[in-house]
C-alpha atoms as a PDB file:
ATOM      1  CA  MET A   1     128.345 131.242  13.133  1.00  0.00           C
ATOM      2  CA  ALA A   2     126.622 131.692   9.810  1.00  0.00           C
ATOM      3  CA  ASP A   3     124.226 134.567   9.423  1.00  0.00           C
ATOM      4  CA  ASN A   4     120.966 132.968   8.348  1.00  0.00           C
ATOM      5  CA  LYS A   5     118.739 136.076   8.215  1.00  0.00           C
ATOM      6  CA  LYS A   6     118.235 135.814   4.480  1.00  0.00           C
ATOM      7  CA  GLU A   7     114.980 134.150   3.538  1.00  0.00           C
ATOM      8  CA  LYS A   8     114.472 133.775  -0.207  1.00  0.00           C
ATOM      9  CA  LEU A   9     116.454 133.288  -3.382  1.00  0.00           C
ATOM     10  CA  GLU A  10     115.486 135.291  -6.435  1.00  0.00           C
ATOM     11  CA  GLU A  11     117.500 133.620  -9.144  1.00  0.00           C
ATOM     12  CA  GLN A  12     118.094 129.896  -8.949  1.00  0.00           C
ATOM     13  CA  GLU A  13     120.622 128.665 -11.457  1.00  0.00           C
ATOM     14  CA  GLU A  14     121.329 125.002 -12.055  1.00  0.00           C
ATOM     15  CA  ILE A  15     123.900 123.634  -9.640  1.00  0.00           C
ATOM     16  CA  VAL A  16     126.481 121.132 -10.826  1.00  0.00           C
ATOM     17  CA  ALA A  17     127.150 118.388  -8.289  1.00  0.00           C
ATOM     18  CA  ILE A  18     130.762 117.866  -7.297  1.00  0.00           C
ATOM     19  CA  SER A  19     132.220 114.596  -8.499  1.00  0.00           C
ATOM     20  CA  HIS A  20     134.622 112.698  -6.278  1.00  0.00           C
ATOM     21  CA  GLU A  21     137.319 112.896  -8.960  1.00  0.00           C
ATOM     22  CA  GLU A  22     137.463 116.675  -9.288  1.00  0.00           C
ATOM     23  CA  GLU A  23     135.834 119.831  -8.038  1.00  0.00           C
ATOM     24  CA  GLU A  24     134.597 122.381 -10.543  1.00  0.00           C
ATOM     25  CA  THR A  25     134.846 126.102  -9.895  1.00  0.00           C
ATOM     26  CA  ILE A  26     131.413 127.654 -10.147  1.00  0.00           C
ATOM     27  CA  GLU A  27     130.999 131.420 -10.119  1.00  0.00           C
ATOM     28  CA  GLN A  28     127.540 132.328  -8.981  1.00  0.00           C
ATOM     29  CA  VAL A  29     125.820 135.346  -7.516  1.00  0.00           C
ATOM     30  CA  VAL A  30     122.365 135.071  -5.985  1.00  0.00           C
ATOM     31  CA  THR A  31     120.078 137.734  -4.602  1.00  0.00           C
ATOM     32  CA  LEU A  32     118.893 137.043  -1.067  1.00  0.00           C
ATOM     33  CA  TYR A  33     116.169 138.977   0.754  1.00  0.00           C
ATOM     34  CA  ASP A  34     116.089 139.867   4.428  1.00  0.00           C
ATOM     35  CA  GLU A  35     112.933 139.755   6.561  1.00  0.00           C
ATOM     36  CA  ASP A  36     112.022 143.281   5.354  1.00  0.00           C
ATOM     37  CA  GLY A  37     112.266 142.306   1.680  1.00  0.00           C
ATOM     38  CA  ASN A  38     115.512 144.189   1.053  1.00  0.00           C
ATOM     39  CA  PRO A  39     117.657 142.508  -1.633  1.00  0.00           C
ATOM     40  CA  GLU A  40     121.397 141.920  -1.352  1.00  0.00           C
ATOM     41  CA  ASP A  41     123.700 140.100  -3.774  1.00  0.00           C
ATOM     42  CA  TYR A  42     125.753 137.230  -2.380  1.00  0.00           C
ATOM     43  CA  GLU A  43     128.634 135.430  -4.045  1.00  0.00           C
ATOM     44  CA  LEU A  44     129.274 131.695  -3.782  1.00  0.00           C
ATOM     45  CA  ILE A  45     132.642 131.200  -2.063  1.00  0.00           C
ATOM     46  CA  ASP A  46     132.576 127.422  -1.627  1.00  0.00           C
ATOM     47  CA  LEU A  47     130.462 124.477  -2.710  1.00  0.00           C
ATOM     48  CA  PHE A  48     131.126 121.148  -1.037  1.00  0.00           C
ATOM     49  CA  GLU A  49     129.751 117.720  -0.205  1.00  0.00           C
ATOM     50  CA  PHE A  50     129.276 117.038   3.480  1.00  0.00           C
ATOM     51  CA  THR A  51     127.455 114.174   5.184  1.00  0.00           C
ATOM     52  CA  ASP A  52     124.381 113.553   3.026  1.00  0.00           C
ATOM     53  CA  GLY A  53     124.167 116.843   1.130  1.00  0.00           C
ATOM     54  CA  ILE A  54     125.857 119.548  -0.889  1.00  0.00           C
ATOM     55  CA  TYR A  55     126.281 122.924   0.782  1.00  0.00           C
ATOM     56  CA  GLY A  56     127.107 126.380  -0.485  1.00  0.00           C
ATOM     57  CA  ALA A  57     128.723 129.180   1.482  1.00  0.00           C
ATOM     58  CA  PHE A  58     127.870 132.720   0.383  1.00  0.00           C
ATOM     59  CA  THR A  59     129.224 136.137   1.337  1.00  0.00           C
ATOM     60  CA  PRO A  60     127.924 139.596   0.383  1.00  0.00           C
ATOM     61  CA  VAL A  61     129.283 140.978  -2.867  1.00  0.00           C
ATOM     62  CA  LEU A  62     131.661 143.691  -1.709  1.00  0.00           C
ATOM     63  CA  ILE A  63     131.720 146.948  -3.639  1.00  0.00           C
ATOM     64  CA  ALA A  64     133.850 149.099  -1.319  1.00  0.00           C
ATOM     65  CA  GLU A  65     136.838 148.095   0.791  1.00  0.00           C
ATOM     66  CA  GLU A  66     136.790 144.729   2.512  1.00  0.00           C
ATOM     67  CA  PRO A  67     135.452 144.752   6.087  1.00  0.00           C
ATOM     68  CA  ASP A  68     137.219 143.038   8.982  1.00  0.00           C
ATOM     69  CA  GLU A  69     134.350 140.581   9.361  1.00  0.00           C
ATOM     70  CA  VAL A  70     132.191 139.130   6.613  1.00  0.00           C
ATOM     71  CA  ASP A  71     128.792 137.512   7.032  1.00  0.00           C
ATOM     72  CA  VAL A  72     128.552 133.964   5.725  1.00  0.00           C
ATOM     73  CA  VAL A  73     125.239 132.450   4.714  1.00  0.00           C
ATOM     74  CA  MET A  74     125.130 128.650   4.483  1.00  0.00           C
ATOM     75  CA  LEU A  75     122.589 127.147   2.085  1.00  0.00           C
ATOM     76  CA  LYS A  76     121.939 123.571   1.002  1.00  0.00           C
ATOM     77  CA  VAL A  77     121.453 122.354  -2.558  1.00  0.00           C
ATOM     78  CA  THR A  78     117.975 120.909  -3.106  1.00  0.00           C
ATOM     79  CA  GLN A  79     117.615 117.181  -3.795  1.00  0.00           C
ATOM     80  CA  ASP A  80     117.026 117.790  -7.506  1.00  0.00           C
ATOM     81  CA  GLY A  81     120.242 119.857  -7.631  1.00  0.00           C
ATOM     82  CA  ASN A  82     118.589 122.857  -9.269  1.00  0.00           C
ATOM     83  CA  ALA A  83     118.460 125.381  -6.423  1.00  0.00           C
ATOM     84  CA  PHE A  84     119.652 126.342  -2.963  1.00  0.00           C
ATOM     85  CA  MET A  85     117.448 126.233   0.098  1.00  0.00           C
ATOM     86  CA  GLU A  86     117.688 127.554   3.638  1.00  0.00           C
ATOM     87  CA  ILE A  87     119.047 125.116   6.225  1.00  0.00           C
ATOM     88  CA  GLU A  88     116.281 124.872   8.811  1.00  0.00           C
ATOM     89  CA  ASP A  89     118.108 122.683  11.353  1.00  0.00           C
ATOM     90  CA  ALA A  90     120.513 124.833  13.406  1.00  0.00           C
ATOM     91  CA  ALA A  91     122.750 121.838  14.203  1.00  0.00           C
ATOM     92  CA  GLU A  92     123.035 120.964  10.503  1.00  0.00           C
ATOM     93  CA  GLU A  93     123.860 124.584   9.645  1.00  0.00           C
ATOM     94  CA  GLU A  94     126.512 124.725  12.379  1.00  0.00           C
ATOM     95  CA  ALA A  95     128.062 121.443  11.181  1.00  0.00           C
ATOM     96  CA  ALA A  96     128.179 122.700   7.569  1.00  0.00           C
ATOM     97  CA  PHE A  97     129.762 125.975   8.719  1.00  0.00           C
ATOM     98  CA  ARG A  98     132.399 124.087  10.720  1.00  0.00           C
ATOM     99  CA  GLU A  99     133.158 121.999   7.628  1.00  0.00           C
ATOM    100  CA  LEU A 100     133.628 125.227   5.659  1.00  0.00           C
ATOM    101  CA  LEU A 101     136.123 126.453   8.268  1.00  0.00           C
ATOM    102  CA  ARG A 102     137.932 123.099   8.219  1.00  0.00           C
ATOM    103  CA  ARG A 103     138.205 123.282   4.435  1.00  0.00           C
ATOM    104  CA  GLU A 104     139.589 126.828   4.604  1.00  0.00           C
ATOM    105  CA  ASP A 105     142.168 125.795   7.228  1.00  0.00           C
ATOM    106  CA  GLU A 106     143.180 122.868   5.023  1.00  0.00           C
ATOM    107  CA  LEU A 107     143.748 125.216   2.068  1.00  0.00           C
ATOM    108  CA  LEU A 108     145.942 127.512   4.181  1.00  0.00           C
ATOM    109  CA  ASP A 109     148.207 124.675   5.349  1.00  0.00           C
END
């Protein structure tokens, strides 16, 4: 499941909503902080509409070789579309993560 240990976003860039006609590729890196205040850069790997919201999936920016497993942090776009926020409902986070996996499987087929 998604690793949701990160608490705050430092830089919040404007998010472009996905239209039904086409998806835009958005390159974005945000700095997330753990419970001890340690920063780590995360890269947006997918942005998608699901149920009644828009969700972003983030992974750590990798500097060295790629690890076997990568943490994924799921965040939700705020209602005004200008920032990401933590998903507080565990069931909602799990559903968004499963949608991410479904989308990845669809791309591999």
